[in-house]
Amino acid sequence: MAATLHLSTLIFATPASVALANQNELKTLTKYRSSPSGSFKKYKTMIELKQLHSQITKNGLNHHPLSLTSLISSCTEMGTFESLEYAEKALELFIEDNGIMGTHYMFNSLIRGYSACGLGYKAIVVFRHLMCMGVVPDNFTFPFVLSACTKSAALSEGFQVHGAIVKMGFERDMFVENSLIHFYGECGEIDCMRRVFDKMSERNVVSWTSLIGGYAKWGCYKEAVSLFFEMVEVGIRPNSVTMVGVISACAKLQDLQLGEQVCACIGELQLKVNALMVNALVEMYMKCGATDKARKIFDECVDKNLVLYNTIMSNYVRQGLAREALAILDEMMQHGPRPDRITMLSAVSACSDLDDVSCGKWCHGYVLRNGLEGWDNVCNAIINMYMKCGKQEMACRVFDRMLNKTRVSWNSLVAGFVRNGDMESAWKIFSVMPDSDLVSWNTMIGALVQESMFKEAIELFRVMQSKGITADRVTMTGVASACGYLGALDLAKWIHSYIKKKYVHIDMRLGT
């Protein structure tokens, strides 16, 4: 925003400094800013920017606030660590020569730049420097630094910024208050967020949306939806961000009736439905089990994007409607956007559910042709699909080609061998796993029990204990079953005691 200000705005931003500049200096500087060769905005690389900065310095204009303001704006727009560090160094040199007069906008631009490119800690350092030097922050400075605190999860620093806001009399500025609500909401400080909101003398759509978003982010979905209706009741018109947040909250609650009440507001308030809202509506109806309504909204959407296709596909797979998911994939290939890794995860899972190895091979080929095999979750899904379809050799081939074999990769292979009754191969893979976890051990113990190898299952449980791995109810269900079949009463009593000692939850299966 600030990086695109025109010359007249920049002069207004630094009145004291401009008043000191002589007329010739301003004319020369204006020539540099307006000419194709002299404008900082024309350059997109640091080498070119440094060359122009050097040229301006040679002409004796480096001490003028206008030239530095333009340089910092361009560095901020470039948005790299190198460009922002260069801008910070240039600001330090300017202050050494000219003092802090006219540097207000420069500090704001630098803080905003660091925050925007994810270097929140650097933005906070610049803000501290600003405060120590006696440059008075304004109602733009605080939102920029609060954004940096949010992105860095710097809760302690955010509290200190809030203190400075109160001390300097900005606690009644709506722009600043909205930034505080967003900061506390993102950091999970729900009570602090609500206190700021409740103290506001005036609230706008951003205030309400930030509050609703904060509640929804931390699982308070009912509160989020309740706030939405309160917002509408007091006459605040929601925007698309508000609607996406509250529709998503209804999806999490899986409350169709509540979701339709929210949807009714879209028509009553004559809100324009955009792509984000369509995606949220499809997700909500799918999660609430209203598949037909979700499909109707999907079919009526004239500008379907990749996110929308992925949303309906993943939900079809989740609901066990694998054929419908593959039908969506077919539509994508004919008329829609190019499938990505998220699409292929759903497609491969659908093939797995249908035991459709032919379609699975096509999906595998698409993954290879489009360079998606580098994503380990895609490869893990393909391994699982081939194993479920009884193609162990293909699954092993995919596994062997993986550059990044995760625990899930190893576990998928072990579980596949177990499912196909190949205990020898399962045991072999399990024995060479570099980093087994509880899932690995549970899979093997459960497999041994299933194969009536009860003594081996109990022995493996003892090895698991010796390695310091804490069992869960799945482990204990398998071990308890093995004890029951063996009639090992003493061991059974020890297992019962272990379950109590480790506070293992006794569900119906383990209790039985």
Protein backbone atom coordinates (compact mmCIF):
# COMPACT_ATOMS: atom_id res chain seq x y z
CA MET A 1 0.00 0.00 0.00
CA ALA A 2 2.54 2.58 1.19
CA ALA A 3 5.04 1.48 -1.45
CA THR A 4 2.83 2.88 -4.24
CA LEU A 5 2.41 6.41 -2.86
CA HIS A 6 3.04 9.23 -5.33
CA LEU A 7 5.50 12.08 -4.90
CA SER A 8 2.90 14.48 -3.52
CA THR A 9 1.94 11.99 -0.82
CA LEU A 10 5.56 11.44 0.12
CA ILE A 11 6.09 15.19 0.48
CA PHE A 12 3.08 15.31 2.80
CA ALA A 13 4.48 12.39 4.81
CA THR A 14 7.70 14.31 5.62
CA PRO A 15 6.72 18.01 5.83
CA ALA A 16 9.51 19.09 8.14
CA SER A 17 12.25 17.64 5.97
CA VAL A 18 10.79 18.89 2.71
CA ALA A 19 10.57 22.40 4.07
CA LEU A 20 14.35 22.36 4.50
CA ALA A 21 15.06 21.26 0.93
CA ASN A 22 15.99 23.93 -1.61
CA GLN A 23 14.12 24.26 -4.88
CA ASN A 24 16.94 23.05 -7.13
CA GLU A 25 17.39 19.89 -5.09
CA LEU A 26 13.68 19.06 -5.39
CA LYS A 27 13.73 19.61 -9.15
CA THR A 28 16.75 17.33 -9.57
CA LEU A 29 15.24 14.63 -7.37
CA THR A 30 11.91 14.84 -9.20
CA LYS A 31 13.77 14.31 -12.47
CA TYR A 32 15.35 11.11 -11.09
CA ARG A 33 12.00 9.80 -9.88
CA SER A 34 10.08 10.55 -13.10
CA SER A 35 12.63 9.57 -15.75
CA PRO A 36 12.82 5.94 -16.94
CA SER A 37 16.47 5.73 -15.99
CA GLY A 38 16.12 7.35 -12.61
CA SER A 39 12.98 5.88 -11.06
CA PHE A 40 13.56 3.28 -8.32
CA LYS A 41 10.28 1.66 -9.34
CA LYS A 42 11.62 0.70 -12.76
CA TYR A 43 14.21 -1.67 -11.33
CA LYS A 44 13.51 -5.22 -10.23
CA THR A 45 16.98 -6.42 -9.17
CA MET A 46 19.22 -5.31 -6.34
CA ILE A 47 22.15 -4.68 -8.70
CA GLU A 48 20.15 -2.13 -10.70
CA LEU A 49 18.72 -0.58 -7.55
CA LYS A 50 22.16 -0.19 -5.99
CA GLN A 51 23.50 1.42 -9.19
CA LEU A 52 20.72 4.04 -9.17
CA HIS A 53 21.21 4.64 -5.45
CA SER A 54 24.91 5.22 -6.10
CA GLN A 55 24.09 7.67 -8.91
CA ILE A 56 21.74 9.65 -6.68
CA THR A 57 24.38 9.68 -3.93
CA LYS A 58 26.95 11.13 -6.37
CA ASN A 59 24.51 13.93 -7.16
CA GLY A 60 24.30 14.78 -3.45
CA LEU A 61 20.66 13.74 -3.06
CA ASN A 62 21.16 10.76 -0.77
CA HIS A 63 20.47 12.88 2.31
CA HIS A 64 17.04 13.92 1.04
CA PRO A 65 14.05 12.10 2.64
CA LEU A 66 12.28 11.71 -0.71
CA SER A 67 15.07 9.66 -2.27
CA LEU A 68 15.38 7.35 0.73
CA THR A 69 11.60 6.96 0.99
CA SER A 70 11.47 5.86 -2.64
CA LEU A 71 14.42 3.49 -2.15
CA ILE A 72 12.84 1.84 0.90
CA SER A 73 9.48 1.52 -0.86
CA SER A 74 11.14 -0.22 -3.81
CA CYS A 75 13.11 -2.55 -1.52
CA THR A 76 9.92 -3.38 0.35
CA GLU A 77 8.13 -4.09 -2.92
CA MET A 78 10.99 -6.37 -3.96
CA GLY A 79 10.37 -8.29 -0.72
CA THR A 80 13.63 -10.22 -0.34
CA PHE A 81 15.87 -10.53 2.71
CA GLU A 82 18.71 -8.82 0.81
CA SER A 83 16.57 -5.90 -0.37
CA LEU A 84 15.12 -5.27 3.09
CA GLU A 85 18.53 -5.45 4.79
CA TYR A 86 19.85 -2.97 2.22
CA ALA A 87 16.93 -0.64 2.98
CA GLU A 88 17.56 -0.95 6.72
CA LYS A 89 21.25 -0.12 6.31
CA ALA A 90 20.40 2.86 4.10
CA LEU A 91 17.99 4.12 6.78
CA GLU A 92 20.66 3.78 9.48
CA LEU A 93 23.14 5.82 7.41
CA PHE A 94 20.50 8.47 6.71
CA ILE A 95 19.74 8.83 10.43
CA GLU A 96 23.47 9.17 11.22
CA ASP A 97 23.72 12.09 8.81
CA ASN A 98 20.32 13.76 9.20
CA GLY A 99 18.68 12.60 12.44
CA ILE A 100 15.22 11.08 12.75
CA MET A 101 13.24 13.92 11.14
CA GLY A 102 11.17 12.59 8.25
CA THR A 103 11.87 8.90 8.97
CA HIS A 104 8.39 8.03 10.22
CA TYR A 105 7.06 6.64 6.94
CA MET A 106 10.42 4.92 6.26
CA PHE A 107 10.24 2.90 9.49
CA ASN A 108 6.62 1.93 8.76
CA SER A 109 7.53 0.77 5.27
CA LEU A 110 10.44 -1.30 6.58
CA ILE A 111 8.35 -2.94 9.32
CA ARG A 112 5.61 -3.74 6.80
CA GLY A 113 8.16 -5.18 4.36
CA TYR A 114 9.75 -7.54 6.89
CA SER A 115 6.33 -8.67 8.10
CA ALA A 116 4.99 -9.26 4.57
CA CYS A 117 7.86 -11.56 3.58
CA GLY A 118 7.63 -13.65 6.76
CA LEU A 119 10.51 -12.10 8.69
CA GLY A 120 8.39 -11.07 11.65
CA TYR A 121 11.25 -11.13 14.15
CA LYS A 122 13.15 -8.56 12.03
CA ALA A 123 10.07 -6.34 11.89
CA ILE A 124 9.87 -6.46 15.69
CA VAL A 125 13.56 -5.50 15.97
CA VAL A 126 12.97 -2.49 13.67
CA PHE A 127 9.98 -1.46 15.78
CA ARG A 128 12.09 -1.61 18.96
CA HIS A 129 14.74 0.50 17.22
CA LEU A 130 12.06 3.04 16.24
CA MET A 131 10.84 3.28 19.85
CA CYS A 132 14.34 3.63 21.29
CA MET A 133 15.17 6.46 18.88
CA GLY A 134 12.08 8.44 19.84
CA VAL A 135 10.23 8.12 16.51
CA VAL A 136 6.55 8.26 17.49
CA PRO A 137 4.51 5.35 16.05
CA ASP A 138 1.18 6.07 14.36
CA ASN A 139 -1.97 4.07 13.64
CA PHE A 140 -0.19 2.36 10.71
CA THR A 141 2.89 1.35 12.68
CA PHE A 142 1.02 -0.72 15.25
CA PRO A 143 -0.99 -2.87 12.78
CA PHE A 144 2.21 -3.59 10.84
CA VAL A 145 4.11 -4.72 13.93
CA LEU A 146 1.12 -6.67 15.29
CA SER A 147 0.98 -8.50 11.96
CA ALA A 148 4.65 -9.38 12.47
CA CYS A 149 3.92 -10.64 16.00
CA THR A 150 1.05 -12.74 14.64
CA LYS A 151 3.15 -14.38 11.93
CA SER A 152 5.98 -15.06 14.37
CA ALA A 153 3.64 -16.27 17.15
CA ALA A 154 5.43 -13.68 19.31
CA LEU A 155 2.84 -13.47 22.08
CA SER A 156 5.07 -11.80 24.66
CA GLU A 157 6.16 -9.10 22.19
CA GLY A 158 2.52 -8.62 21.17
CA PHE A 159 1.55 -7.99 24.79
CA GLN A 160 4.27 -5.33 24.98
CA VAL A 161 3.01 -3.70 21.78
CA HIS A 162 -0.50 -3.66 23.27
CA GLY A 163 0.93 -1.89 26.32
CA ALA A 164 2.55 0.73 24.08
CA ILE A 165 -0.75 1.21 22.24
CA VAL A 166 -2.57 1.98 25.50
CA LYS A 167 0.25 4.18 26.79
CA MET A 168 0.35 6.25 23.59
CA GLY A 169 -3.43 6.65 23.31
CA PHE A 170 -4.17 4.48 20.27
CA GLU A 171 -6.47 2.03 22.05
CA ARG A 172 -9.56 3.75 20.58
CA ASP A 173 -8.35 3.59 16.98
CA MET A 174 -10.50 1.02 15.14
CA PHE A 175 -7.70 0.07 12.74
CA VAL A 176 -5.39 -0.70 15.66
CA GLU A 177 -8.13 -2.44 17.68
CA ASN A 178 -8.96 -4.72 14.74
CA SER A 179 -5.29 -5.66 14.48
CA LEU A 180 -5.25 -6.53 18.18
CA ILE A 181 -8.34 -8.74 17.79
CA HIS A 182 -6.71 -10.57 14.88
CA PHE A 183 -3.42 -10.96 16.77
CA TYR A 184 -5.04 -12.39 19.91
CA GLY A 185 -7.36 -14.60 17.86
CA GLU A 186 -4.51 -16.12 15.85
CA CYS A 187 -2.45 -16.70 19.01
CA GLY A 188 -5.33 -18.42 20.83
CA GLU A 189 -5.80 -15.72 23.47
CA ILE A 190 -9.59 -15.83 23.20
CA ASP A 191 -10.28 -13.91 26.44
CA CYS A 192 -7.92 -11.08 25.47
CA MET A 193 -9.46 -10.96 22.00
CA ARG A 194 -12.96 -10.68 23.44
CA ARG A 195 -11.93 -7.97 25.94
CA VAL A 196 -10.55 -5.80 23.14
CA PHE A 197 -13.73 -6.31 21.11
CA ASP A 198 -16.06 -5.57 24.05
CA LYS A 199 -14.24 -2.29 24.83
CA MET A 200 -14.55 -0.98 21.28
CA SER A 201 -16.74 2.12 20.98
CA GLU A 202 -17.32 1.41 17.29
CA ARG A 203 -17.06 -1.85 15.34
CA ASN A 204 -17.01 -2.59 11.62
CA VAL A 205 -17.18 -5.78 9.54
CA VAL A 206 -13.45 -6.40 10.08
CA SER A 207 -13.91 -6.31 13.87
CA TRP A 208 -16.71 -8.90 13.77
CA THR A 209 -15.01 -11.08 11.15
CA SER A 210 -11.75 -11.18 13.11
CA LEU A 211 -13.64 -12.13 16.28
CA ILE A 212 -15.63 -14.87 14.51
CA GLY A 213 -12.43 -16.16 12.88
CA GLY A 214 -10.64 -16.28 16.23
CA TYR A 215 -13.38 -18.37 17.85
CA ALA A 216 -13.60 -20.70 14.84
CA LYS A 217 -9.83 -21.19 14.63
CA TRP A 218 -9.70 -22.62 18.15
CA GLY A 219 -12.70 -24.90 17.88
CA CYS A 220 -15.37 -22.63 19.38
CA TYR A 221 -17.66 -23.17 16.40
CA LYS A 222 -20.99 -22.60 18.16
CA GLU A 223 -19.76 -19.29 19.56
CA ALA A 224 -18.55 -18.26 16.09
CA VAL A 225 -21.95 -18.95 14.49
CA SER A 226 -23.79 -17.24 17.35
CA LEU A 227 -21.62 -14.13 16.87
CA PHE A 228 -22.45 -14.13 13.16
CA PHE A 229 -26.19 -13.90 13.85
CA GLU A 230 -25.54 -11.20 16.46
CA MET A 231 -23.50 -9.28 13.89
CA VAL A 232 -26.32 -9.42 11.33
CA GLU A 233 -28.85 -8.40 13.99
CA VAL A 234 -26.96 -5.19 14.86
CA GLY A 235 -26.89 -4.22 11.19
CA ILE A 236 -23.31 -5.06 10.16
CA ARG A 237 -23.26 -6.46 6.63
CA PRO A 238 -20.92 -9.49 6.42
CA ASN A 239 -18.38 -9.85 3.61
CA SER A 240 -17.17 -12.98 1.82
CA VAL A 241 -14.47 -13.62 4.45
CA THR A 242 -17.11 -13.56 7.21
CA MET A 243 -19.34 -15.95 5.29
CA VAL A 244 -16.57 -18.44 4.52
CA GLY A 245 -15.59 -18.49 8.21
CA VAL A 246 -19.09 -19.06 9.55
CA ILE A 247 -20.05 -21.62 6.86
CA SER A 248 -16.86 -23.53 7.66
CA ALA A 249 -17.82 -23.45 11.36
CA CYS A 250 -21.18 -25.06 10.46
CA ALA A 251 -19.29 -27.71 8.49
CA LYS A 252 -17.16 -28.51 11.54
CA LEU A 253 -20.31 -28.81 13.66
CA GLN A 254 -21.92 -30.97 10.95
CA ASP A 255 -25.13 -29.10 11.72
CA LEU A 256 -27.15 -28.93 8.50
CA GLN A 257 -30.05 -26.96 9.99
CA LEU A 258 -27.70 -24.29 11.34
CA GLY A 259 -25.80 -24.22 8.06
CA GLU A 260 -28.99 -23.60 6.09
CA GLN A 261 -29.93 -20.74 8.44
CA VAL A 262 -26.57 -19.16 7.66
CA CYS A 263 -27.07 -19.79 3.92
CA ALA A 264 -30.46 -18.07 4.08
CA CYS A 265 -28.67 -14.88 5.10
CA ILE A 266 -26.80 -14.89 1.79
CA GLY A 267 -30.08 -14.41 -0.09
CA GLU A 268 -31.66 -12.08 2.47
CA LEU A 269 -28.65 -9.75 2.47
CA GLN A 270 -28.19 -10.14 -1.31
CA LEU A 271 -24.53 -11.04 -0.90
CA LYS A 272 -22.51 -11.79 -4.00
CA VAL A 273 -21.35 -15.42 -3.95
CA ASN A 274 -17.69 -15.82 -4.98
CA ALA A 275 -15.53 -18.90 -5.55
CA LEU A 276 -14.43 -19.09 -1.89
CA MET A 277 -18.02 -19.08 -0.68
CA VAL A 278 -19.05 -21.75 -3.21
CA ASN A 279 -16.20 -23.96 -1.99
CA ALA A 280 -17.22 -23.43 1.65
CA LEU A 281 -20.87 -24.26 0.84
CA VAL A 282 -19.95 -27.47 -0.99
CA GLU A 283 -17.70 -28.49 1.91
CA MET A 284 -20.42 -27.72 4.46
CA TYR A 285 -23.15 -29.68 2.67
CA MET A 286 -20.82 -32.63 2.08
CA LYS A 287 -19.72 -32.71 5.73
CA CYS A 288 -23.37 -32.54 6.81
CA GLY A 289 -24.29 -35.47 4.57
CA ALA A 290 -26.38 -33.42 2.11
CA THR A 291 -24.48 -34.77 -0.88
CA ASP A 292 -27.17 -33.94 -3.44
CA LYS A 293 -27.28 -30.26 -2.41
CA ALA A 294 -23.49 -30.06 -2.54
CA ARG A 295 -23.45 -31.58 -6.02
CA LYS A 296 -26.18 -29.17 -7.21
CA ILE A 297 -24.13 -26.15 -6.08
CA PHE A 298 -21.04 -27.68 -7.70
CA ASP A 299 -22.83 -28.29 -11.02
CA GLU A 300 -24.33 -24.78 -11.08
CA CYS A 301 -20.94 -23.11 -10.54
CA VAL A 302 -19.80 -21.73 -13.90
CA ASP A 303 -16.18 -21.01 -12.97
CA LYS A 304 -15.07 -24.12 -11.07
CA ASN A 305 -11.50 -23.90 -9.81
CA LEU A 306 -9.04 -26.55 -8.67
CA VAL A 307 -9.87 -26.05 -4.97
CA LEU A 308 -13.57 -26.72 -5.61
CA TYR A 309 -12.85 -29.90 -7.60
CA ASN A 310 -10.51 -31.13 -4.84
CA THR A 311 -13.09 -30.35 -2.14
CA ILE A 312 -15.89 -32.39 -3.68
CA MET A 313 -13.54 -35.26 -4.64
CA SER A 314 -12.00 -35.60 -1.17
CA ASN A 315 -15.43 -35.53 0.45
CA TYR A 316 -16.77 -38.17 -1.93
CA VAL A 317 -13.86 -40.44 -0.98
CA ARG A 318 -14.39 -39.72 2.73
CA GLN A 319 -18.04 -40.76 2.41
CA GLY A 320 -17.16 -43.96 0.57
CA LEU A 321 -18.48 -42.68 -2.79
CA ALA A 322 -15.39 -43.67 -4.74
CA ARG A 323 -17.10 -43.97 -8.15
CA GLU A 324 -18.51 -40.45 -7.85
CA ALA A 325 -15.00 -39.19 -6.99
CA LEU A 326 -13.55 -40.78 -10.13
CA ALA A 327 -16.41 -39.30 -12.19
CA ILE A 328 -15.28 -35.85 -10.98
CA LEU A 329 -11.72 -36.70 -12.02
CA ASP A 330 -12.99 -37.64 -15.47
CA GLU A 331 -14.78 -34.26 -15.73
CA MET A 332 -11.58 -32.49 -14.71
CA MET A 333 -9.58 -34.23 -17.40
CA GLN A 334 -12.12 -33.20 -20.05
CA HIS A 335 -13.19 -29.69 -19.05
CA GLY A 336 -11.60 -28.65 -15.74
CA PRO A 337 -8.28 -27.47 -14.37
CA ARG A 338 -5.20 -29.67 -14.37
CA PRO A 339 -5.25 -32.12 -11.40
CA ASP A 340 -2.60 -31.57 -8.72
CA ARG A 341 -1.23 -33.75 -5.91
CA ILE A 342 -4.35 -33.20 -3.75
CA THR A 343 -6.52 -34.41 -6.63
CA MET A 344 -4.39 -37.48 -7.15
CA LEU A 345 -4.46 -38.36 -3.44
CA SER A 346 -8.26 -38.55 -3.65
CA ALA A 347 -8.16 -40.37 -6.99
CA VAL A 348 -5.68 -43.02 -5.81
CA SER A 349 -7.68 -43.53 -2.59
CA ALA A 350 -10.83 -44.01 -4.68
CA CYS A 351 -9.05 -46.63 -6.82
CA SER A 352 -7.92 -48.35 -3.63
CA ASP A 353 -11.49 -48.44 -2.26
CA LEU A 354 -12.75 -49.96 -5.52
CA ASP A 355 -9.79 -52.36 -5.93
CA ASP A 356 -9.50 -50.83 -9.40
CA VAL A 357 -5.88 -51.49 -10.29
CA SER A 358 -6.38 -50.40 -13.90
CA CYS A 359 -7.47 -46.88 -12.92
CA GLY A 360 -4.81 -46.92 -10.19
CA LYS A 361 -2.11 -47.55 -12.79
CA TRP A 362 -3.42 -44.65 -14.86
CA CYS A 363 -3.23 -42.39 -11.79
CA HIS A 364 0.31 -43.64 -11.12
CA GLY A 365 1.26 -42.81 -14.70
CA TYR A 366 -0.21 -39.31 -14.36
CA VAL A 367 1.80 -38.78 -11.17
CA LEU A 368 5.01 -39.79 -12.95
CA ARG A 369 4.29 -37.72 -16.07
CA ASN A 370 3.59 -34.59 -14.05
CA GLY A 371 6.44 -34.83 -11.54
CA LEU A 372 4.25 -35.50 -8.50
CA GLU A 373 6.19 -38.53 -7.27
CA GLY A 374 8.34 -36.25 -5.10
CA TRP A 375 5.42 -35.90 -2.67
CA ASP A 376 5.74 -38.75 -0.17
CA ASN A 377 2.03 -38.75 0.72
CA VAL A 378 1.15 -39.37 -2.94
CA CYS A 379 3.60 -42.28 -3.12
CA ASN A 380 2.30 -43.68 0.17
CA ALA A 381 -1.24 -43.66 -1.24
CA ILE A 382 -0.02 -45.46 -4.38
CA ILE A 383 1.78 -48.09 -2.25
CA ASN A 384 -1.40 -48.65 -0.25
CA MET A 385 -3.45 -48.89 -3.46
CA TYR A 386 -1.18 -51.50 -5.07
CA MET A 387 -1.05 -53.52 -1.85
CA LYS A 388 -4.83 -53.47 -1.51
CA CYS A 389 -5.15 -54.61 -5.13
CA GLY A 390 -2.71 -57.48 -4.47
CA LYS A 391 0.12 -56.00 -6.59
CA GLN A 392 2.89 -56.32 -4.00
CA GLU A 393 5.70 -56.14 -6.54
CA MET A 394 4.43 -52.79 -7.90
CA ALA A 395 4.08 -51.44 -4.35
CA CYS A 396 7.68 -52.44 -3.54
CA ARG A 397 8.88 -50.83 -6.76
CA VAL A 398 7.25 -47.51 -5.80
CA PHE A 399 8.70 -47.81 -2.29
CA ASP A 400 12.22 -48.49 -3.58
CA ARG A 401 12.10 -45.42 -5.87
CA MET A 402 11.10 -43.08 -3.04
CA LEU A 403 13.81 -40.61 -2.04
CA ASN A 404 12.09 -39.76 1.24
CA LYS A 405 10.75 -42.89 2.91
CA THR A 406 8.71 -41.77 5.92
CA ARG A 407 7.28 -43.86 8.75
CA VAL A 408 4.00 -43.91 6.85
CA SER A 409 5.79 -45.36 3.82
CA TRP A 410 7.26 -48.23 5.87
CA ASN A 411 3.99 -48.80 7.73
CA SER A 412 2.02 -48.88 4.46
CA LEU A 413 4.31 -51.62 3.18
CA VAL A 414 4.11 -53.64 6.41
CA ALA A 415 0.31 -53.28 6.62
CA GLY A 416 0.00 -54.29 2.97
CA PHE A 417 1.97 -57.49 3.46
CA VAL A 418 -0.07 -58.28 6.58
CA ARG A 419 -3.33 -57.67 4.71
CA ASN A 420 -2.21 -60.05 1.97
CA GLY A 421 -1.19 -62.73 4.49
CA ASP A 422 2.53 -62.47 3.67
CA MET A 423 3.83 -62.50 7.25
CA GLU A 424 7.37 -63.39 6.19
CA SER A 425 7.73 -60.24 4.07
CA ALA A 426 5.96 -58.13 6.72
CA TRP A 427 8.35 -59.34 9.41
CA LYS A 428 11.34 -58.74 7.15
CA ILE A 429 10.35 -55.11 6.46
CA PHE A 430 9.45 -54.52 10.11
CA SER A 431 12.86 -55.82 11.22
CA VAL A 432 14.78 -53.35 9.03
CA MET A 433 12.63 -50.28 9.66
CA PRO A 434 14.97 -47.41 10.65
CA ASP A 435 12.34 -45.66 12.77
CA SER A 436 9.36 -47.76 13.85
CA ASP A 437 6.52 -46.20 15.81
CA LEU A 438 3.48 -47.37 17.78
CA VAL A 439 1.53 -47.98 14.56
CA SER A 440 4.27 -50.34 13.32
CA TRP A 441 4.27 -52.38 16.54
CA ASN A 442 0.46 -52.50 16.73
CA THR A 443 0.29 -53.72 13.13
CA MET A 444 2.69 -56.56 13.81
CA ILE A 445 1.17 -57.58 17.17
CA GLY A 446 -2.31 -57.55 15.64
CA ALA A 447 -1.07 -59.61 12.67
CA LEU A 448 0.52 -62.24 14.92
CA VAL A 449 -2.72 -62.57 16.90
CA GLN A 450 -4.69 -62.86 13.66
CA GLU A 451 -2.34 -65.64 12.53
CA SER A 452 -2.85 -67.43 15.92
CA MET A 453 0.82 -66.80 16.82
CA PHE A 454 -0.12 -65.81 20.38
CA LYS A 455 3.20 -66.49 22.12
CA GLU A 456 5.04 -64.53 19.43
CA ALA A 457 2.60 -61.63 19.89
CA ILE A 458 3.25 -61.48 23.66
CA GLU A 459 6.99 -61.77 23.12
CA LEU A 460 6.89 -58.88 20.62
CA PHE A 461 4.95 -56.83 23.19
CA ARG A 462 7.74 -57.44 25.71
CA VAL A 463 10.34 -56.28 23.17
CA MET A 464 8.23 -53.20 22.58
CA GLN A 465 8.23 -52.48 26.31
CA SER A 466 12.00 -52.88 26.49
CA LYS A 467 12.35 -50.18 23.82
CA GLY A 468 10.33 -47.75 25.93
CA ILE A 469 7.32 -47.52 23.58
CA THR A 470 4.10 -46.86 25.50
CA ALA A 471 1.21 -49.07 24.47
CA ASP A 472 -2.29 -47.85 23.71
CA ARG A 473 -5.72 -49.55 23.69
CA VAL A 474 -5.05 -51.09 20.23
CA THR A 475 -1.88 -52.73 21.54
CA MET A 476 -3.59 -53.98 24.68
CA THR A 477 -6.57 -55.36 22.76
CA GLY A 478 -4.20 -57.58 20.78
CA VAL A 479 -2.16 -58.64 23.81
CA ALA A 480 -5.27 -59.30 25.93
CA SER A 481 -6.68 -61.49 23.13
CA ALA A 482 -3.43 -63.44 22.99
CA CYS A 483 -3.57 -64.03 26.77
CA GLY A 484 -7.17 -65.20 26.50
CA TYR A 485 -6.33 -67.76 23.86
CA LEU A 486 -3.30 -69.01 25.83
CA GLY A 487 -5.16 -69.10 29.17
CA ALA A 488 -2.21 -67.26 30.78
CA LEU A 489 -3.92 -65.99 33.96
CA ASP A 490 -0.85 -64.48 35.65
CA LEU A 491 0.09 -62.59 32.52
CA ALA A 492 -3.51 -61.46 32.08
CA LYS A 493 -3.51 -59.99 35.64
CA TRP A 494 -0.25 -58.19 34.90
CA ILE A 495 -1.74 -56.76 31.68
CA HIS A 496 -4.86 -55.60 33.56
CA SER A 497 -2.61 -53.86 36.09
CA TYR A 498 -0.56 -52.29 33.27
CA ILE A 499 -3.73 -50.90 31.67
CA LYS A 500 -4.73 -49.23 34.95
CA LYS A 501 -1.22 -47.93 35.64
CA LYS A 502 -0.82 -46.40 32.17
CA TYR A 503 -4.39 -45.03 32.11
CA VAL A 504 -5.16 -46.85 28.87
CA HIS A 505 -8.72 -46.06 27.82
CA ILE A 506 -10.91 -49.17 28.02
CA ASP A 507 -13.37 -49.02 25.14
CA MET A 508 -15.98 -51.70 24.40
CA ARG A 509 -13.56 -53.84 22.38
CA LEU A 510 -10.76 -53.82 24.97
CA GLY A 511 -13.26 -54.31 27.82
CA THR A 512 -14.67 -57.36 26.07
